[in-house]
Structure formats: structure tokens, C-alpha cells
């Protein structure tokens, strides 16, 4: 097996990710800097302040993770392992950014409040087990502070910025922004979320998967390197789905027609690269379908 034989698809995915990044930059610019023009359309962000601040913060972080993945995608072998935690971070950040821009400003404001709460909690907590336990405390009266300054985070089950798990956040995106955004995020979640958890947490299965996936029984260095290229393809497919999900949520919720149609073209190119039929995915609107028939310029 020759690792170089697998590079064309990986290169195509890297190119598509770089194109997607340009549209992410467009979304971030409009959300943070103000109106911009794209294909004759004036793009204006109408998100409430808390929604805009939180979603943009997370989407920008996801975009940086994509840049790191693009660098790792030039490598083969053991360095590819580090792509898993970065991909997990990118996917979950895109999910959370999509959720926050779609949900109410009240939800986004809780997320902002959580920043201060989590910073305080970081310096007032216990960790470890049994005799191997440590208590960190900078506040002489943590119970009082929690009750008076952060009451919404007090009590069992209230110590996070949201009570919804990741699948539930994706469901809410689909309900609020449409099936297009929700289905893209769900695909990203299904493609590598649990697998990346195994690798991140150093589980025996995670290690075994990384060293043996796509080797087809071959016990050679070249087979391992070729297998890691296939893993990179798998990872980029997932992250590209997540990026498309965020762009669909942002552009559709803000009624930005031209960039929304461009996102559909990127997604259709991604599906073409995967070899899966379009019938396996929710249909786009008629207008989007007409534009998607053309190749990206």
C-alpha cells in the first residue's frame, strides 16, 4: 500500500476546508465588525448583543482549530493522533456557536455569566479522590459568594452554562435554524465525536483504533502511514460538516441569501467527495438547489 495513493482526496478536502474558512471569516466579520457586501448583497448581522458576542467567540476558536488541522493534514503517521482532540474542539465549538446564535438572548446571557462563574470556581474547588485530594480556595466564603453573586449556578445540576447535552443542542439548532444546519452538525457529531473521545481520554480502544484503522491486516510502517491518511480524511469530513452547519445556521438565521447559497455549494462538493448520494441528506430549498448545480468558482 502506497500512502501517496491516498493523497488526492485529502488534498481536495484540505482545499474545500480552506474555501469554507473564507466564508467563516465573512460571517465573523459581519458579526463583529459590521455590514459587508457579497455578490451584490449587503450583509448585516441582526443578532442581539449577547448572542453575537458568545457565538462569534466560539466560532472564531473553531476556525483556529481548523487552521491547526490543515497543518496536521500535511503529515502522516503518529502526529495525526493530535488531530482528534483538535477536531473534537472544533466540532463542539461550531455546535455551541450555532446553538447560541439560534437560541434566545437569555441563554446567551447565561453563557456570559458562566464565564465569570467558571473563573471563580476554578480557584475555589476540590479535586482528586481519597487521600489524593486537593482543595483550592481563594475565597474565604465560597458558599456566600455562590449564593449572592452566582445564584443561578447554585444547586445540583446548575453548574454549567447550559443543561442541554450536545445532541440536544444540535436538535435545538435544527428546530430553530432549520434541518439543513441541524443535519450537518449531527453528521459531524456522528462521524468522529465519540471516537475522538476514546483517543482524547487515552482509552485502550482509542489507541488500538489509531494504530490499526484502515491497515487491512498489513503490519508495515507504510500501511500505518496510509491508514493515518484515511483517518485524516475521516476527520476532515466531520469538521467540514460542522463548519457547514455553523455557516448554514448563521447565514440562514440572518437571511443572507448569497452566502447561504455558497454554503450549499460547499456542502454539495463535500457530499460529492464522500461518494454518498444526495438522497441520503435533507433537500435544500428549490432556489438553493438551482444554484448548487453549478460548480464553485
C-alpha atoms as a PDB file:
ATOM      1  CA  UNK A   1       0.000   0.000   0.000  1.00  0.00           C
ATOM      2  CA  UNK A   2       1.432   3.379  -1.006  1.00  0.00           C
ATOM      3  CA  UNK A   3       0.456   6.291   1.232  1.00  0.00           C
ATOM      4  CA  UNK A   4       0.839   8.693  -1.673  1.00  0.00           C
ATOM      5  CA  UNK A   5      -2.028   6.986  -3.491  1.00  0.00           C
ATOM      6  CA  UNK A   6      -4.417   8.340  -0.836  1.00  0.00           C
ATOM      7  CA  UNK A   7      -3.352  11.992  -1.080  1.00  0.00           C
ATOM      8  CA  UNK A   8      -5.658  13.328  -3.849  1.00  0.00           C
ATOM      9  CA  UNK A   9      -8.839  13.052  -1.742  1.00  0.00           C
ATOM     10  CA  UNK A  10      -7.074  14.520   1.279  1.00  0.00           C
ATOM     11  CA  UNK A  11      -5.863  17.428  -0.831  1.00  0.00           C
ATOM     12  CA  UNK A  12      -9.385  18.006  -2.124  1.00  0.00           C
ATOM     13  CA  UNK A  13     -10.719  18.092   1.431  1.00  0.00           C
ATOM     14  CA  UNK A  14      -7.995  20.484   2.521  1.00  0.00           C
ATOM     15  CA  UNK A  15      -8.833  22.770  -0.391  1.00  0.00           C
ATOM     16  CA  UNK A  16     -12.526  22.688   0.463  1.00  0.00           C
ATOM     17  CA  UNK A  17     -11.752  23.461   4.104  1.00  0.00           C
ATOM     18  CA  UNK A  18      -9.689  26.477   3.071  1.00  0.00           C
ATOM     19  CA  UNK A  19     -12.607  27.713   0.965  1.00  0.00           C
ATOM     20  CA  UNK A  20     -15.003  27.173   3.857  1.00  0.00           C
ATOM     21  CA  UNK A  21     -12.680  29.192   6.081  1.00  0.00           C
ATOM     22  CA  UNK A  22     -13.139  32.193   3.800  1.00  0.00           C
ATOM     23  CA  UNK A  23     -16.890  32.100   4.393  1.00  0.00           C
ATOM     24  CA  UNK A  24     -16.326  31.670   8.116  1.00  0.00           C
ATOM     25  CA  UNK A  25     -14.207  34.820   8.050  1.00  0.00           C
ATOM     26  CA  UNK A  26     -17.015  36.582   6.208  1.00  0.00           C
ATOM     27  CA  UNK A  27     -19.542  35.538   8.873  1.00  0.00           C
ATOM     28  CA  UNK A  28     -17.217  36.586  11.684  1.00  0.00           C
ATOM     29  CA  UNK A  29     -16.519  39.945  10.047  1.00  0.00           C
ATOM     30  CA  UNK A  30     -20.187  40.768   9.606  1.00  0.00           C
ATOM     31  CA  UNK A  31     -20.972  39.693  13.171  1.00  0.00           C
ATOM     32  CA  UNK A  32     -18.090  41.561  14.809  1.00  0.00           C
ATOM     33  CA  UNK A  33     -17.187  44.478  12.537  1.00  0.00           C
ATOM     34  CA  UNK A  34     -20.345  45.449  10.704  1.00  0.00           C
ATOM     35  CA  UNK A  35     -22.016  45.219   7.268  1.00  0.00           C
ATOM     36  CA  UNK A  36     -20.182  43.832   4.250  1.00  0.00           C
ATOM     37  CA  UNK A  37     -21.062  43.230   0.606  1.00  0.00           C
ATOM     38  CA  UNK A  38     -21.022  39.795  -1.032  1.00  0.00           C
ATOM     39  CA  UNK A  39     -22.120  39.242  -4.631  1.00  0.00           C
ATOM     40  CA  UNK A  40     -24.063  42.495  -4.610  1.00  0.00           C
ATOM     41  CA  UNK A  41     -25.883  41.713  -1.355  1.00  0.00           C
ATOM     42  CA  UNK A  42     -25.339  43.883   1.734  1.00  0.00           C
ATOM     43  CA  UNK A  43     -24.871  41.573   4.698  1.00  0.00           C
ATOM     44  CA  UNK A  44     -25.966  42.885   8.093  1.00  0.00           C
ATOM     45  CA  UNK A  45     -25.957  40.963  11.379  1.00  0.00           C
ATOM     46  CA  UNK A  46     -29.076  41.457  13.499  1.00  0.00           C
ATOM     47  CA  UNK A  47     -28.159  39.204  16.408  1.00  0.00           C
ATOM     48  CA  UNK A  48     -28.734  40.510  19.914  1.00  0.00           C
ATOM     49  CA  UNK A  49     -25.514  41.558  21.614  1.00  0.00           C
ATOM     50  CA  UNK A  50     -25.099  38.532  23.895  1.00  0.00           C
ATOM     51  CA  UNK A  51     -25.849  36.095  21.066  1.00  0.00           C
ATOM     52  CA  UNK A  52     -23.415  37.857  18.773  1.00  0.00           C
ATOM     53  CA  UNK A  53     -20.631  38.005  21.360  1.00  0.00           C
ATOM     54  CA  UNK A  54     -20.837  34.400  22.531  1.00  0.00           C
ATOM     55  CA  UNK A  55     -21.378  32.742  19.162  1.00  0.00           C
ATOM     56  CA  UNK A  56     -18.628  34.766  17.480  1.00  0.00           C
ATOM     57  CA  UNK A  57     -16.174  33.991  20.266  1.00  0.00           C
ATOM     58  CA  UNK A  58     -16.739  30.256  19.863  1.00  0.00           C
ATOM     59  CA  UNK A  59     -16.840  30.227  16.057  1.00  0.00           C
ATOM     60  CA  UNK A  60     -13.558  32.103  15.915  1.00  0.00           C
ATOM     61  CA  UNK A  61     -11.965  29.473  18.164  1.00  0.00           C
ATOM     62  CA  UNK A  62     -13.343  26.712  15.952  1.00  0.00           C
ATOM     63  CA  UNK A  63     -11.859  28.413  12.910  1.00  0.00           C
ATOM     64  CA  UNK A  64      -8.432  28.486  14.545  1.00  0.00           C
ATOM     65  CA  UNK A  65      -8.723  24.760  15.270  1.00  0.00           C
ATOM     66  CA  UNK A  66      -9.494  24.160  11.601  1.00  0.00           C
ATOM     67  CA  UNK A  67      -6.291  26.016  10.695  1.00  0.00           C
ATOM     68  CA  UNK A  68      -4.342  23.708  13.015  1.00  0.00           C
ATOM     69  CA  UNK A  69      -5.973  20.669  11.414  1.00  0.00           C
ATOM     70  CA  UNK A  70      -4.980  21.898   7.966  1.00  0.00           C
ATOM     71  CA  UNK A  71      -1.372  21.926   9.118  1.00  0.00           C
ATOM     72  CA  UNK A  72      -1.609  18.455  10.638  1.00  0.00           C
ATOM     73  CA  UNK A  73      -3.248  17.209   7.424  1.00  0.00           C
ATOM     74  CA  UNK A  74       0.093  17.693   5.674  1.00  0.00           C
ATOM     75  CA  UNK A  75       1.594  14.979   7.875  1.00  0.00           C
ATOM     76  CA  UNK A  76       1.334  11.214   8.171  1.00  0.00           C
ATOM     77  CA  UNK A  77       1.894   8.697  10.941  1.00  0.00           C
ATOM     78  CA  UNK A  78       1.970   9.367  14.685  1.00  0.00           C
ATOM     79  CA  UNK A  79       1.481  13.186  14.534  1.00  0.00           C
ATOM     80  CA  UNK A  80      -2.010  12.547  13.133  1.00  0.00           C
ATOM     81  CA  UNK A  81      -3.167  11.422  16.590  1.00  0.00           C
ATOM     82  CA  UNK A  82      -3.286  15.043  17.720  1.00  0.00           C
ATOM     83  CA  UNK A  83      -5.878  15.794  15.050  1.00  0.00           C
ATOM     84  CA  UNK A  84      -8.563  14.030  17.107  1.00  0.00           C
ATOM     85  CA  UNK A  85      -8.719  16.375  20.121  1.00  0.00           C
ATOM     86  CA  UNK A  86      -8.451  19.417  17.852  1.00  0.00           C
ATOM     87  CA  UNK A  87     -11.279  18.126  15.662  1.00  0.00           C
ATOM     88  CA  UNK A  88     -13.415  17.432  18.745  1.00  0.00           C
ATOM     89  CA  UNK A  89     -12.856  21.001  19.921  1.00  0.00           C
ATOM     90  CA  UNK A  90     -13.706  22.437  16.503  1.00  0.00           C
ATOM     91  CA  UNK A  91     -16.896  20.399  16.166  1.00  0.00           C
ATOM     92  CA  UNK A  92     -18.202  21.159  19.650  1.00  0.00           C
ATOM     93  CA  UNK A  93     -17.323  24.844  19.262  1.00  0.00           C
ATOM     94  CA  UNK A  94     -19.265  25.017  15.988  1.00  0.00           C
ATOM     95  CA  UNK A  95     -22.205  23.263  17.659  1.00  0.00           C
ATOM     96  CA  UNK A  96     -22.180  25.650  20.610  1.00  0.00           C
ATOM     97  CA  UNK A  97     -21.754  28.713  18.405  1.00  0.00           C
ATOM     98  CA  UNK A  98     -24.711  27.606  16.295  1.00  0.00           C
ATOM     99  CA  UNK A  99     -26.805  26.920  19.381  1.00  0.00           C
ATOM    100  CA  UNK A 100     -26.068  30.289  20.968  1.00  0.00           C
ATOM    101  CA  UNK A 101     -26.815  32.320  17.853  1.00  0.00           C
ATOM    102  CA  UNK A 102     -30.122  30.483  17.374  1.00  0.00           C
ATOM    103  CA  UNK A 103     -31.350  30.429  20.952  1.00  0.00           C
ATOM    104  CA  UNK A 104     -32.672  33.371  22.950  1.00  0.00           C
ATOM    105  CA  UNK A 105     -30.569  36.233  24.211  1.00  0.00           C
ATOM    106  CA  UNK A 106     -31.371  34.974  27.720  1.00  0.00           C
ATOM    107  CA  UNK A 107     -29.499  31.727  27.001  1.00  0.00           C
ATOM    108  CA  UNK A 108     -26.542  33.688  25.645  1.00  0.00           C
ATOM    109  CA  UNK A 109     -26.530  35.949  28.696  1.00  0.00           C
ATOM    110  CA  UNK A 110     -26.305  32.894  30.945  1.00  0.00           C
ATOM    111  CA  UNK A 111     -23.289  31.782  28.916  1.00  0.00           C
ATOM    112  CA  UNK A 112     -21.674  35.174  29.522  1.00  0.00           C
ATOM    113  CA  UNK A 113     -22.418  34.947  33.247  1.00  0.00           C
ATOM    114  CA  UNK A 114     -20.897  31.469  33.243  1.00  0.00           C
ATOM    115  CA  UNK A 115     -17.539  32.928  32.203  1.00  0.00           C
ATOM    116  CA  UNK A 116     -17.218  34.810  35.496  1.00  0.00           C
ATOM    117  CA  UNK A 117     -18.635  31.920  37.491  1.00  0.00           C
ATOM    118  CA  UNK A 118     -16.257  29.371  35.959  1.00  0.00           C
ATOM    119  CA  UNK A 119     -13.280  31.671  36.565  1.00  0.00           C
ATOM    120  CA  UNK A 120     -14.266  31.968  40.242  1.00  0.00           C
ATOM    121  CA  UNK A 121     -14.926  28.226  40.564  1.00  0.00           C
ATOM    122  CA  UNK A 122     -11.514  27.412  39.077  1.00  0.00           C
ATOM    123  CA  UNK A 123      -9.934  28.968  42.178  1.00  0.00           C
ATOM    124  CA  UNK A 124     -12.461  27.500  44.602  1.00  0.00           C
ATOM    125  CA  UNK A 125     -12.803  23.770  44.078  1.00  0.00           C
ATOM    126  CA  UNK A 126     -11.819  20.304  45.196  1.00  0.00           C
ATOM    127  CA  UNK A 127     -10.349  17.608  43.014  1.00  0.00           C
ATOM    128  CA  UNK A 128      -8.904  14.147  43.447  1.00  0.00           C
ATOM    129  CA  UNK A 129     -10.001  11.050  45.345  1.00  0.00           C
ATOM    130  CA  UNK A 130      -9.498   9.916  48.922  1.00  0.00           C
ATOM    131  CA  UNK A 131      -6.140  10.871  50.389  1.00  0.00           C
ATOM    132  CA  UNK A 132      -5.117  12.090  46.960  1.00  0.00           C
ATOM    133  CA  UNK A 133      -7.380  15.124  47.102  1.00  0.00           C
ATOM    134  CA  UNK A 134      -6.618  18.822  46.935  1.00  0.00           C
ATOM    135  CA  UNK A 135      -8.768  21.796  47.792  1.00  0.00           C
ATOM    136  CA  UNK A 136      -8.061  25.126  46.102  1.00  0.00           C
ATOM    137  CA  UNK A 137      -9.601  28.195  47.719  1.00  0.00           C
ATOM    138  CA  UNK A 138      -9.087  31.902  47.075  1.00  0.00           C
ATOM    139  CA  UNK A 139     -12.456  32.936  48.511  1.00  0.00           C
ATOM    140  CA  UNK A 140     -12.788  32.697  52.312  1.00  0.00           C
ATOM    141  CA  UNK A 141     -16.572  32.445  51.999  1.00  0.00           C
ATOM    142  CA  UNK A 142     -17.329  30.436  48.829  1.00  0.00           C
ATOM    143  CA  UNK A 143     -20.820  29.398  49.912  1.00  0.00           C
ATOM    144  CA  UNK A 144     -21.818  33.008  50.455  1.00  0.00           C
ATOM    145  CA  UNK A 145     -20.308  34.112  47.143  1.00  0.00           C
ATOM    146  CA  UNK A 146     -22.097  31.364  45.272  1.00  0.00           C
ATOM    147  CA  UNK A 147     -25.440  32.238  46.835  1.00  0.00           C
ATOM    148  CA  UNK A 148     -25.129  36.005  46.427  1.00  0.00           C
ATOM    149  CA  UNK A 149     -23.080  36.502  43.279  1.00  0.00           C
ATOM    150  CA  UNK A 150     -23.848  33.390  41.219  1.00  0.00           C
ATOM    151  CA  UNK A 151     -27.252  32.152  42.448  1.00  0.00           C
ATOM    152  CA  UNK A 152     -28.285  30.768  39.059  1.00  0.00           C
ATOM    153  CA  UNK A 153     -25.370  28.297  39.198  1.00  0.00           C
ATOM    154  CA  UNK A 154     -26.086  27.077  42.742  1.00  0.00           C
ATOM    155  CA  UNK A 155     -27.635  23.684  43.350  1.00  0.00           C
ATOM    156  CA  UNK A 156     -27.199  20.261  41.831  1.00  0.00           C
ATOM    157  CA  UNK A 157     -27.200  20.251  38.034  1.00  0.00           C
ATOM    158  CA  UNK A 158     -26.932  24.042  37.692  1.00  0.00           C
ATOM    159  CA  UNK A 159     -23.169  24.437  37.467  1.00  0.00           C
ATOM    160  CA  UNK A 160     -22.883  24.703  33.684  1.00  0.00           C
ATOM    161  CA  UNK A 161     -23.722  27.298  31.037  1.00  0.00           C
ATOM    162  CA  UNK A 162     -26.418  25.004  29.600  1.00  0.00           C
ATOM    163  CA  UNK A 163     -28.299  21.938  30.815  1.00  0.00           C
ATOM    164  CA  UNK A 164     -28.582  20.511  27.305  1.00  0.00           C
ATOM    165  CA  UNK A 165     -26.176  17.824  26.133  1.00  0.00           C
ATOM    166  CA  UNK A 166     -24.581  18.087  22.695  1.00  0.00           C
ATOM    167  CA  UNK A 167     -27.257  16.087  20.786  1.00  0.00           C
ATOM    168  CA  UNK A 168     -29.953  18.242  22.391  1.00  0.00           C
ATOM    169  CA  UNK A 169     -28.146  21.427  21.362  1.00  0.00           C
ATOM    170  CA  UNK A 170     -27.972  20.108  17.811  1.00  0.00           C
ATOM    171  CA  UNK A 171     -31.684  19.325  17.932  1.00  0.00           C
ATOM    172  CA  UNK A 172     -32.416  22.887  19.029  1.00  0.00           C
ATOM    173  CA  UNK A 173     -30.327  24.257  16.159  1.00  0.00           C
ATOM    174  CA  UNK A 174     -32.345  22.132  13.757  1.00  0.00           C
ATOM    175  CA  UNK A 175     -35.605  23.331  15.277  1.00  0.00           C
ATOM    176  CA  UNK A 176     -34.638  26.999  15.258  1.00  0.00           C
ATOM    177  CA  UNK A 177     -32.400  27.351  12.186  1.00  0.00           C
ATOM    178  CA  UNK A 178     -33.710  24.527  10.011  1.00  0.00           C
ATOM    179  CA  UNK A 179     -32.901  20.913   9.173  1.00  0.00           C
ATOM    180  CA  UNK A 180     -30.021  21.942   6.947  1.00  0.00           C
ATOM    181  CA  UNK A 181     -27.958  23.312   9.831  1.00  0.00           C
ATOM    182  CA  UNK A 182     -29.080  20.624  12.268  1.00  0.00           C
ATOM    183  CA  UNK A 183     -28.346  17.705   9.954  1.00  0.00           C
ATOM    184  CA  UNK A 184     -24.855  18.962   9.094  1.00  0.00           C
ATOM    185  CA  UNK A 185     -23.959  19.317  12.777  1.00  0.00           C
ATOM    186  CA  UNK A 186     -25.443  15.915  13.575  1.00  0.00           C
ATOM    187  CA  UNK A 187     -23.346  14.310  10.827  1.00  0.00           C
ATOM    188  CA  UNK A 188     -20.205  15.897  12.283  1.00  0.00           C
ATOM    189  CA  UNK A 189     -21.137  14.623  15.732  1.00  0.00           C
ATOM    190  CA  UNK A 190     -21.744  11.095  14.482  1.00  0.00           C
ATOM    191  CA  UNK A 191     -18.642  10.890  12.316  1.00  0.00           C
ATOM    192  CA  UNK A 192     -15.976  11.405  14.955  1.00  0.00           C
ATOM    193  CA  UNK A 193     -17.275  12.755  18.275  1.00  0.00           C
ATOM    194  CA  UNK A 194     -17.289   9.503  20.279  1.00  0.00           C
ATOM    195  CA  UNK A 195     -14.197   8.199  18.509  1.00  0.00           C
ATOM    196  CA  UNK A 196     -12.264  11.349  19.352  1.00  0.00           C
ATOM    197  CA  UNK A 197     -13.342  10.925  22.987  1.00  0.00           C
ATOM    198  CA  UNK A 198     -11.705   7.490  23.052  1.00  0.00           C
ATOM    199  CA  UNK A 199      -8.464   8.963  21.718  1.00  0.00           C
ATOM    200  CA  UNK A 200      -8.565  12.062  23.932  1.00  0.00           C
ATOM    201  CA  UNK A 201      -9.116  10.025  27.110  1.00  0.00           C
ATOM    202  CA  UNK A 202      -6.369   7.572  26.227  1.00  0.00           C
ATOM    203  CA  UNK A 203      -8.616   4.515  26.219  1.00  0.00           C
ATOM    204  CA  UNK A 204      -7.283   1.133  25.024  1.00  0.00           C
ATOM    205  CA  UNK A 205      -9.774   1.195  22.146  1.00  0.00           C
ATOM    206  CA  UNK A 206      -8.712   4.718  21.161  1.00  0.00           C
ATOM    207  CA  UNK A 207      -5.074   3.666  20.997  1.00  0.00           C
ATOM    208  CA  UNK A 208      -5.906   0.467  19.140  1.00  0.00           C
ATOM    209  CA  UNK A 209      -8.062   2.290  16.617  1.00  0.00           C
ATOM    210  CA  UNK A 210      -5.421   4.886  15.861  1.00  0.00           C
ATOM    211  CA  UNK A 211      -2.661   2.325  15.291  1.00  0.00           C
ATOM    212  CA  UNK A 212      -4.733  -0.211  13.342  1.00  0.00           C
ATOM    213  CA  UNK A 213      -7.546   1.567  11.456  1.00  0.00           C
ATOM    214  CA  UNK A 214      -7.560   1.082   7.668  1.00  0.00           C
ATOM    215  CA  UNK A 215      -4.460  -1.159   7.706  1.00  0.00           C
ATOM    216  CA  UNK A 216      -6.425  -4.127   6.320  1.00  0.00           C
ATOM    217  CA  UNK A 217      -4.289  -6.581   8.244  1.00  0.00           C
ATOM    218  CA  UNK A 218      -0.990  -5.270   6.910  1.00  0.00           C
ATOM    219  CA  UNK A 219       1.731  -4.979   9.563  1.00  0.00           C
ATOM    220  CA  UNK A 220       4.042  -2.435   7.980  1.00  0.00           C
ATOM    221  CA  UNK A 221       5.050   1.161   8.593  1.00  0.00           C
ATOM    222  CA  UNK A 222       3.731   2.142   5.188  1.00  0.00           C
ATOM    223  CA  UNK A 223       0.340   0.571   5.928  1.00  0.00           C
ATOM    224  CA  UNK A 224       0.173   2.515   9.202  1.00  0.00           C
ATOM    225  CA  UNK A 225       1.041   5.787   7.500  1.00  0.00           C
ATOM    226  CA  UNK A 226      -1.545   5.166   4.783  1.00  0.00           C
ATOM    227  CA  UNK A 227      -4.092   4.361   7.481  1.00  0.00           C
ATOM    228  CA  UNK A 228      -3.480   7.687   9.183  1.00  0.00           C
ATOM    229  CA  UNK A 229      -4.186   9.457   5.893  1.00  0.00           C
ATOM    230  CA  UNK A 230      -7.573   7.749   5.816  1.00  0.00           C
ATOM    231  CA  UNK A 231      -8.128   8.883   9.395  1.00  0.00           C
ATOM    232  CA  UNK A 232      -7.323  12.459   8.382  1.00  0.00           C
ATOM    233  CA  UNK A 233      -9.905  12.202   5.614  1.00  0.00           C
ATOM    234  CA  UNK A 234     -12.437  10.927   8.152  1.00  0.00           C
ATOM    235  CA  UNK A 235     -11.645  13.815  10.491  1.00  0.00           C
ATOM    236  CA  UNK A 236     -11.821  16.493   7.793  1.00  0.00           C
ATOM    237  CA  UNK A 237     -15.161  15.148   6.559  1.00  0.00           C
ATOM    238  CA  UNK A 238     -16.523  15.571  10.096  1.00  0.00           C
ATOM    239  CA  UNK A 239     -15.097  19.034  10.669  1.00  0.00           C
ATOM    240  CA  UNK A 240     -16.277  20.258   7.274  1.00  0.00           C
ATOM    241  CA  UNK A 241     -19.787  19.094   8.139  1.00  0.00           C
ATOM    242  CA  UNK A 242     -19.592  21.049  11.392  1.00  0.00           C
ATOM    243  CA  UNK A 243     -18.371  24.174   9.635  1.00  0.00           C
ATOM    244  CA  UNK A 244     -21.169  23.914   7.100  1.00  0.00           C
ATOM    245  CA  UNK A 245     -23.633  23.513   9.960  1.00  0.00           C
ATOM    246  CA  UNK A 246     -22.491  26.731  11.589  1.00  0.00           C
ATOM    247  CA  UNK A 247     -22.483  28.673   8.311  1.00  0.00           C
ATOM    248  CA  UNK A 248     -25.965  27.404   7.468  1.00  0.00           C
ATOM    249  CA  UNK A 249     -27.224  28.406  10.922  1.00  0.00           C
ATOM    250  CA  UNK A 250     -25.672  31.866  10.711  1.00  0.00           C
ATOM    251  CA  UNK A 251     -26.467  32.786   7.121  1.00  0.00           C
ATOM    252  CA  UNK A 252     -29.994  31.346   7.174  1.00  0.00           C
ATOM    253  CA  UNK A 253     -30.936  32.871  10.535  1.00  0.00           C
ATOM    254  CA  UNK A 254     -29.658  36.239   9.326  1.00  0.00           C
ATOM    255  CA  UNK A 255     -31.400  35.855   5.949  1.00  0.00           C
ATOM    256  CA  UNK A 256     -28.172  36.261   3.984  1.00  0.00           C
ATOM    257  CA  UNK A 257     -29.127  34.677   0.677  1.00  0.00           C
ATOM    258  CA  UNK A 258     -25.930  34.737  -1.394  1.00  0.00           C
ATOM    259  CA  UNK A 259     -23.570  33.303   1.257  1.00  0.00           C
ATOM    260  CA  UNK A 260     -26.228  30.737   2.247  1.00  0.00           C
ATOM    261  CA  UNK A 261     -26.286  29.539  -1.351  1.00  0.00           C
ATOM    262  CA  UNK A 262     -22.483  29.394  -1.368  1.00  0.00           C
ATOM    263  CA  UNK A 263     -22.581  27.204   1.749  1.00  0.00           C
ATOM    264  CA  UNK A 264     -24.896  24.778  -0.075  1.00  0.00           C
ATOM    265  CA  UNK A 265     -22.361  24.544  -2.903  1.00  0.00           C
ATOM    266  CA  UNK A 266     -19.582  23.766  -0.431  1.00  0.00           C
ATOM    267  CA  UNK A 267     -21.727  21.120   1.214  1.00  0.00           C
ATOM    268  CA  UNK A 268     -22.666  19.537  -2.111  1.00  0.00           C
ATOM    269  CA  UNK A 269     -18.993  19.402  -3.055  1.00  0.00           C
ATOM    270  CA  UNK A 270     -18.313  17.688   0.267  1.00  0.00           C
ATOM    271  CA  UNK A 271     -21.027  15.106  -0.404  1.00  0.00           C
ATOM    272  CA  UNK A 272     -19.638  14.506  -3.890  1.00  0.00           C
ATOM    273  CA  UNK A 273     -16.220  13.811  -2.367  1.00  0.00           C
ATOM    274  CA  UNK A 274     -17.738  11.375   0.121  1.00  0.00           C
ATOM    275  CA  UNK A 275     -19.307   9.342  -2.679  1.00  0.00           C
ATOM    276  CA  UNK A 276     -22.704   9.321  -0.934  1.00  0.00           C
ATOM    277  CA  UNK A 277     -25.886  10.050  -2.911  1.00  0.00           C
ATOM    278  CA  UNK A 278     -27.612  13.391  -2.326  1.00  0.00           C
ATOM    279  CA  UNK A 279     -30.798  11.474  -1.489  1.00  0.00           C
ATOM    280  CA  UNK A 280     -29.166  10.475   1.807  1.00  0.00           C
ATOM    281  CA  UNK A 281     -29.422  14.057   3.043  1.00  0.00           C
ATOM    282  CA  UNK A 282     -32.265  16.537   3.663  1.00  0.00           C
ATOM    283  CA  UNK A 283     -33.103  18.511   0.497  1.00  0.00           C
ATOM    284  CA  UNK A 284     -32.271  22.178   0.153  1.00  0.00           C
ATOM    285  CA  UNK A 285     -34.770  24.788  -0.906  1.00  0.00           C
ATOM    286  CA  UNK A 286     -35.574  24.931  -4.656  1.00  0.00           C
ATOM    287  CA  UNK A 287     -33.610  28.137  -5.105  1.00  0.00           C
ATOM    288  CA  UNK A 288     -30.584  26.677  -3.342  1.00  0.00           C
ATOM    289  CA  UNK A 289     -30.818  23.518  -5.428  1.00  0.00           C
ATOM    290  CA  UNK A 290     -30.709  25.554  -8.647  1.00  0.00           C
ATOM    291  CA  UNK A 291     -27.567  27.366  -7.562  1.00  0.00           C
ATOM    292  CA  UNK A 292     -25.955  24.208  -6.215  1.00  0.00           C
ATOM    293  CA  UNK A 293     -25.969  22.648  -9.682  1.00  0.00           C
ATOM    294  CA  UNK A 294     -23.088  24.933 -10.645  1.00  0.00           C
ATOM    295  CA  UNK A 295     -19.508  24.362  -9.536  1.00  0.00           C
ATOM    296  CA  UNK A 296     -17.909  26.791  -7.120  1.00  0.00           C
ATOM    297  CA  UNK A 297     -15.929  29.389  -8.943  1.00  0.00           C
END
